[in-house]
Amino acid sequence: MSFKIQSSSVVSEIKSGIWQYNLTMKAYSDAGLQQTATLVTLNQKIWVELKTTGLGSNLVAVVIDSCWANKNKESDKLPKYDLIKTGCANPKDKSVKVKGTGEGTSSVLSFNMFQFSKSNGYVFLHCKVNLCGKKDKSCAPVCTSKHRRSARNMYLEGAPALITMAWTS
């Protein structure tokens, strides 16, 4: 089974509070983020980069708050499958990895491609990101089996953003 990515790169212009920036979600077929993914197969590992432009990397870090998939363009529709929750990879899915969240102006999520049972052929990946002020503090969530701390209390007011990418079989 293969899936065609409807657009391997999605760009949103975000205006929230005093913040104005571009948020890009781009899918790759390699860990080095060199090969843009346009067609993926079931269980193939893919990498999705969430990157901002227009923000000072020495002042602000991007934190992936959550990423989830569902069968619908509307992000709140069920069923949904959590890949990242409160800044941490889903511990029940060992294929999910997060790199760079809370460290700079880009983060990378990787996971093995899947489909929903009784699927309409679509998989929509939704990610919510927040901005964190880096002044004298770490913005990276702590994700261990014993201790999970989100950077949620460090988020800058009025700066959340939601971005979506779609696959079809």
C-alpha atoms as a PDB file:
ATOM      1  CA  MET A   1       0.000   0.000   0.000  1.00  0.00           C
ATOM      2  CA  SER A   2       1.387   3.399  -0.916  1.00  0.00           C
ATOM      3  CA  PHE A   3       0.309   6.913  -0.026  1.00  0.00           C
ATOM      4  CA  LYS A   4       0.693  10.070  -2.065  1.00  0.00           C
ATOM      5  CA  ILE A   5       1.454  13.183  -0.058  1.00  0.00           C
ATOM      6  CA  GLN A   6      -0.919  15.834  -1.354  1.00  0.00           C
ATOM      7  CA  SER A   7       1.668  18.552  -0.829  1.00  0.00           C
ATOM      8  CA  SER A   8       5.106  17.649   0.515  1.00  0.00           C
ATOM      9  CA  SER A   9       5.476  21.194   1.839  1.00  0.00           C
ATOM     10  CA  VAL A  10       2.774  23.222   3.595  1.00  0.00           C
ATOM     11  CA  VAL A  11       3.380  26.851   4.586  1.00  0.00           C
ATOM     12  CA  SER A  12       1.186  28.895   6.930  1.00  0.00           C
ATOM     13  CA  GLU A  13       1.566  32.551   7.735  1.00  0.00           C
ATOM     14  CA  ILE A  14       0.974  32.886  11.466  1.00  0.00           C
ATOM     15  CA  LYS A  15      -0.221  36.113  13.099  1.00  0.00           C
ATOM     16  CA  SER A  16      -0.820  35.630  16.785  1.00  0.00           C
ATOM     17  CA  GLY A  17      -0.515  38.316  19.401  1.00  0.00           C
ATOM     18  CA  ILE A  18       2.636  40.313  18.683  1.00  0.00           C
ATOM     19  CA  TRP A  19       4.145  37.413  16.726  1.00  0.00           C
ATOM     20  CA  GLN A  20       4.194  37.154  12.946  1.00  0.00           C
ATOM     21  CA  TYR A  21       6.102  34.331  11.243  1.00  0.00           C
ATOM     22  CA  ASN A  22       5.889  31.577   8.644  1.00  0.00           C
ATOM     23  CA  LEU A  23       5.506  27.966   9.748  1.00  0.00           C
ATOM     24  CA  THR A  24       6.477  25.269   7.240  1.00  0.00           C
ATOM     25  CA  MET A  25       5.682  21.560   7.520  1.00  0.00           C
ATOM     26  CA  LYS A  26       7.699  19.448   5.076  1.00  0.00           C
ATOM     27  CA  ALA A  27       7.913  15.660   4.655  1.00  0.00           C
ATOM     28  CA  TYR A  28      11.141  13.818   3.844  1.00  0.00           C
ATOM     29  CA  SER A  29      12.058  10.211   3.092  1.00  0.00           C
ATOM     30  CA  ASP A  30      15.503  10.410   4.770  1.00  0.00           C
ATOM     31  CA  ALA A  31      16.872  11.387   8.176  1.00  0.00           C
ATOM     32  CA  GLY A  32      19.199  13.966   6.594  1.00  0.00           C
ATOM     33  CA  LEU A  33      16.165  15.866   5.250  1.00  0.00           C
ATOM     34  CA  GLN A  34      17.525  15.806   1.695  1.00  0.00           C
ATOM     35  CA  GLN A  35      14.872  13.786  -0.180  1.00  0.00           C
ATOM     36  CA  THR A  36      11.405  15.342  -0.252  1.00  0.00           C
ATOM     37  CA  ALA A  37       8.778  12.628   0.259  1.00  0.00           C
ATOM     38  CA  THR A  38       6.001  12.538  -2.300  1.00  0.00           C
ATOM     39  CA  LEU A  39       5.094   8.847  -2.169  1.00  0.00           C
ATOM     40  CA  VAL A  40       5.414   6.669   0.948  1.00  0.00           C
ATOM     41  CA  THR A  41       4.532   3.063   1.679  1.00  0.00           C
ATOM     42  CA  LEU A  42       2.886   1.514   4.711  1.00  0.00           C
ATOM     43  CA  ASN A  43       5.412   1.170   7.590  1.00  0.00           C
ATOM     44  CA  GLN A  44       7.996   3.345   5.789  1.00  0.00           C
ATOM     45  CA  LYS A  45       9.752   5.780   8.110  1.00  0.00           C
ATOM     46  CA  ILE A  46       9.130   9.405   7.230  1.00  0.00           C
ATOM     47  CA  TRP A  47      10.516  12.611   8.730  1.00  0.00           C
ATOM     48  CA  VAL A  48       8.419  15.752   9.060  1.00  0.00           C
ATOM     49  CA  GLU A  49      10.199  19.042   9.695  1.00  0.00           C
ATOM     50  CA  LEU A  50       8.365  21.921  11.353  1.00  0.00           C
ATOM     51  CA  LYS A  51      10.338  25.083  10.690  1.00  0.00           C
ATOM     52  CA  THR A  52       9.714  28.765  11.296  1.00  0.00           C
ATOM     53  CA  THR A  53      11.083  31.798   9.515  1.00  0.00           C
ATOM     54  CA  GLY A  54      10.858  35.338  10.782  1.00  0.00           C
ATOM     55  CA  LEU A  55      11.758  34.579  14.408  1.00  0.00           C
ATOM     56  CA  GLY A  56      15.057  35.218  16.196  1.00  0.00           C
ATOM     57  CA  SER A  57      16.510  31.815  17.149  1.00  0.00           C
ATOM     58  CA  ASN A  58      18.441  33.368  20.034  1.00  0.00           C
ATOM     59  CA  LEU A  59      15.188  34.710  21.568  1.00  0.00           C
ATOM     60  CA  VAL A  60      12.528  32.142  20.736  1.00  0.00           C
ATOM     61  CA  ALA A  61      12.317  28.359  20.417  1.00  0.00           C
ATOM     62  CA  VAL A  62       9.600  26.370  18.661  1.00  0.00           C
ATOM     63  CA  VAL A  63       8.070  23.605  20.764  1.00  0.00           C
ATOM     64  CA  ILE A  64       5.955  20.869  19.180  1.00  0.00           C
ATOM     65  CA  ASP A  65       3.124  20.687  21.702  1.00  0.00           C
ATOM     66  CA  SER A  66       1.244  17.902  19.941  1.00  0.00           C
ATOM     67  CA  CYS A  67       0.917  16.052  16.645  1.00  0.00           C
ATOM     68  CA  TRP A  68      -1.872  13.648  15.816  1.00  0.00           C
ATOM     69  CA  ALA A  69      -3.393  11.992  12.790  1.00  0.00           C
ATOM     70  CA  ASN A  70      -6.990  11.435  11.834  1.00  0.00           C
ATOM     71  CA  LYS A  71      -9.063  10.698   8.720  1.00  0.00           C
ATOM     72  CA  ASN A  72     -10.456  14.207   8.458  1.00  0.00           C
ATOM     73  CA  LYS A  73      -9.272  17.676   7.473  1.00  0.00           C
ATOM     74  CA  GLU A  74     -10.872  19.038  10.650  1.00  0.00           C
ATOM     75  CA  SER A  75      -8.320  18.532  13.400  1.00  0.00           C
ATOM     76  CA  ASP A  76     -10.832  17.774  16.169  1.00  0.00           C
ATOM     77  CA  LYS A  77     -12.545  14.800  14.470  1.00  0.00           C
ATOM     78  CA  LEU A  78     -12.235  11.265  15.848  1.00  0.00           C
ATOM     79  CA  PRO A  79     -10.771   8.723  15.649  1.00  0.00           C
ATOM     80  CA  LYS A  80      -7.355  10.237  16.160  1.00  0.00           C
ATOM     81  CA  TYR A  81      -3.919   8.784  16.734  1.00  0.00           C
ATOM     82  CA  ASP A  82      -1.495  10.725  18.949  1.00  0.00           C
ATOM     83  CA  LEU A  83       2.118  10.880  17.788  1.00  0.00           C
ATOM     84  CA  ILE A  84       3.216  13.664  20.175  1.00  0.00           C
ATOM     85  CA  LYS A  85       1.348  14.728  23.289  1.00  0.00           C
ATOM     86  CA  THR A  86       2.430  17.460  25.741  1.00  0.00           C
ATOM     87  CA  GLY A  87       5.704  17.787  23.852  1.00  0.00           C
ATOM     88  CA  CYS A  88       6.679  14.102  24.103  1.00  0.00           C
ATOM     89  CA  ALA A  89       6.564  11.186  21.660  1.00  0.00           C
ATOM     90  CA  ASN A  90       3.783   8.642  22.195  1.00  0.00           C
ATOM     91  CA  PRO A  91       5.452   6.010  24.445  1.00  0.00           C
ATOM     92  CA  LYS A  92       3.158   3.314  22.979  1.00  0.00           C
ATOM     93  CA  ASP A  93       4.599   3.814  19.480  1.00  0.00           C
ATOM     94  CA  LYS A  94       8.342   3.133  19.439  1.00  0.00           C
ATOM     95  CA  SER A  95       8.635   4.411  15.847  1.00  0.00           C
ATOM     96  CA  VAL A  96       7.858   8.005  16.924  1.00  0.00           C
ATOM     97  CA  LYS A  97      10.909  10.208  17.558  1.00  0.00           C
ATOM     98  CA  VAL A  98      11.169  13.961  18.137  1.00  0.00           C
ATOM     99  CA  LYS A  99      14.360  15.943  17.597  1.00  0.00           C
ATOM    100  CA  GLY A 100      15.132  19.583  18.298  1.00  0.00           C
ATOM    101  CA  THR A 101      11.840  20.641  19.866  1.00  0.00           C
ATOM    102  CA  GLY A 102      12.344  23.585  22.191  1.00  0.00           C
ATOM    103  CA  GLU A 103      15.939  24.121  21.054  1.00  0.00           C
ATOM    104  CA  GLY A 104      15.632  26.459  18.076  1.00  0.00           C
ATOM    105  CA  THR A 105      13.337  27.512  15.250  1.00  0.00           C
ATOM    106  CA  SER A 106      12.842  24.024  13.785  1.00  0.00           C
ATOM    107  CA  SER A 107      11.969  20.531  15.005  1.00  0.00           C
ATOM    108  CA  VAL A 108      11.727  17.130  13.342  1.00  0.00           C
ATOM    109  CA  LEU A 109       9.192  14.380  13.979  1.00  0.00           C
ATOM    110  CA  SER A 110       9.681  10.895  12.543  1.00  0.00           C
ATOM    111  CA  PHE A 111       7.345   7.890  12.523  1.00  0.00           C
ATOM    112  CA  ASN A 112       6.413   4.846  10.481  1.00  0.00           C
ATOM    113  CA  MET A 113       3.592   5.504   8.008  1.00  0.00           C
ATOM    114  CA  PHE A 114       0.273   3.905   8.940  1.00  0.00           C
ATOM    115  CA  GLN A 115      -3.346   3.898   7.905  1.00  0.00           C
ATOM    116  CA  PHE A 116      -6.609   3.805   9.810  1.00  0.00           C
ATOM    117  CA  SER A 117      -8.768   0.692   9.671  1.00  0.00           C
ATOM    118  CA  LYS A 118     -11.966   1.236   7.680  1.00  0.00           C
ATOM    119  CA  SER A 119     -10.158   4.182   6.141  1.00  0.00           C
ATOM    120  CA  ASN A 120     -11.504   6.647   3.597  1.00  0.00           C
ATOM    121  CA  GLY A 121      -7.998   6.621   2.102  1.00  0.00           C
ATOM    122  CA  TYR A 122      -6.851   9.826   3.791  1.00  0.00           C
ATOM    123  CA  VAL A 123      -4.465  10.446   6.656  1.00  0.00           C
ATOM    124  CA  PHE A 124      -4.245  14.010   7.942  1.00  0.00           C
ATOM    125  CA  LEU A 125      -1.308  14.964  10.140  1.00  0.00           C
ATOM    126  CA  HIS A 126      -2.056  17.910  12.440  1.00  0.00           C
ATOM    127  CA  CYS A 127       0.611  19.578  14.578  1.00  0.00           C
ATOM    128  CA  LYS A 128       0.231  22.288  17.182  1.00  0.00           C
ATOM    129  CA  VAL A 129       3.343  24.305  17.925  1.00  0.00           C
ATOM    130  CA  ASN A 130       4.046  26.975  20.496  1.00  0.00           C
ATOM    131  CA  LEU A 131       6.741  29.571  20.954  1.00  0.00           C
ATOM    132  CA  CYS A 132       8.872  29.645  24.079  1.00  0.00           C
ATOM    133  CA  GLY A 133      10.996  32.565  25.242  1.00  0.00           C
ATOM    134  CA  LYS A 134      14.561  31.269  25.656  1.00  0.00           C
ATOM    135  CA  LYS A 135      15.839  33.954  28.032  1.00  0.00           C
ATOM    136  CA  ASP A 136      17.833  32.143  30.746  1.00  0.00           C
ATOM    137  CA  LYS A 137      15.805  28.923  30.526  1.00  0.00           C
ATOM    138  CA  SER A 138      15.428  25.663  28.654  1.00  0.00           C
ATOM    139  CA  CYS A 139      12.382  25.280  26.427  1.00  0.00           C
ATOM    140  CA  ALA A 140      12.884  21.578  25.677  1.00  0.00           C
ATOM    141  CA  PRO A 141      10.250  19.277  27.193  1.00  0.00           C
ATOM    142  CA  VAL A 142      11.563  16.552  29.517  1.00  0.00           C
ATOM    143  CA  CYS A 143      10.360  13.197  28.221  1.00  0.00           C
ATOM    144  CA  THR A 144      11.302  10.131  30.241  1.00  0.00           C
ATOM    145  CA  SER A 145       9.221   7.192  31.427  1.00  0.00           C
ATOM    146  CA  LYS A 146       9.395   8.413  35.027  1.00  0.00           C
ATOM    147  CA  HIS A 147       9.231  12.176  34.488  1.00  0.00           C
ATOM    148  CA  ARG A 148       7.287  14.112  31.856  1.00  0.00           C
ATOM    149  CA  ARG A 149       7.426  17.885  31.990  1.00  0.00           C
ATOM    150  CA  SER A 150       6.119  20.011  29.216  1.00  0.00           C
ATOM    151  CA  ALA A 151       7.449  23.455  28.430  1.00  0.00           C
ATOM    152  CA  ARG A 152       3.763  24.480  28.468  1.00  0.00           C
ATOM    153  CA  ASN A 153       4.179  26.936  31.360  1.00  0.00           C
ATOM    154  CA  MET A 154       6.940  28.721  29.395  1.00  0.00           C
ATOM    155  CA  TYR A 155       4.912  29.378  26.236  1.00  0.00           C
ATOM    156  CA  LEU A 156       4.679  32.957  25.035  1.00  0.00           C
ATOM    157  CA  GLU A 157       1.170  34.357  25.238  1.00  0.00           C
ATOM    158  CA  GLY A 158      -0.844  34.351  22.044  1.00  0.00           C
ATOM    159  CA  ALA A 159       1.634  32.324  20.004  1.00  0.00           C
ATOM    160  CA  PRO A 160       0.148  28.844  19.311  1.00  0.00           C
ATOM    161  CA  ALA A 161      -0.223  27.635  15.711  1.00  0.00           C
ATOM    162  CA  LEU A 162      -1.832  24.630  14.015  1.00  0.00           C
ATOM    163  CA  ILE A 163      -0.649  23.217  10.679  1.00  0.00           C
ATOM    164  CA  THR A 164      -1.928  20.210   8.684  1.00  0.00           C
ATOM    165  CA  MET A 165      -0.572  17.918   5.957  1.00  0.00           C
ATOM    166  CA  ALA A 166      -2.511  15.202   4.095  1.00  0.00           C
ATOM    167  CA  TRP A 167      -1.772  11.786   2.546  1.00  0.00           C
ATOM    168  CA  THR A 168      -4.093   9.757   0.343  1.00  0.00           C
ATOM    169  CA  SER A 169      -3.901   6.103  -0.663  1.00  0.00           C
END
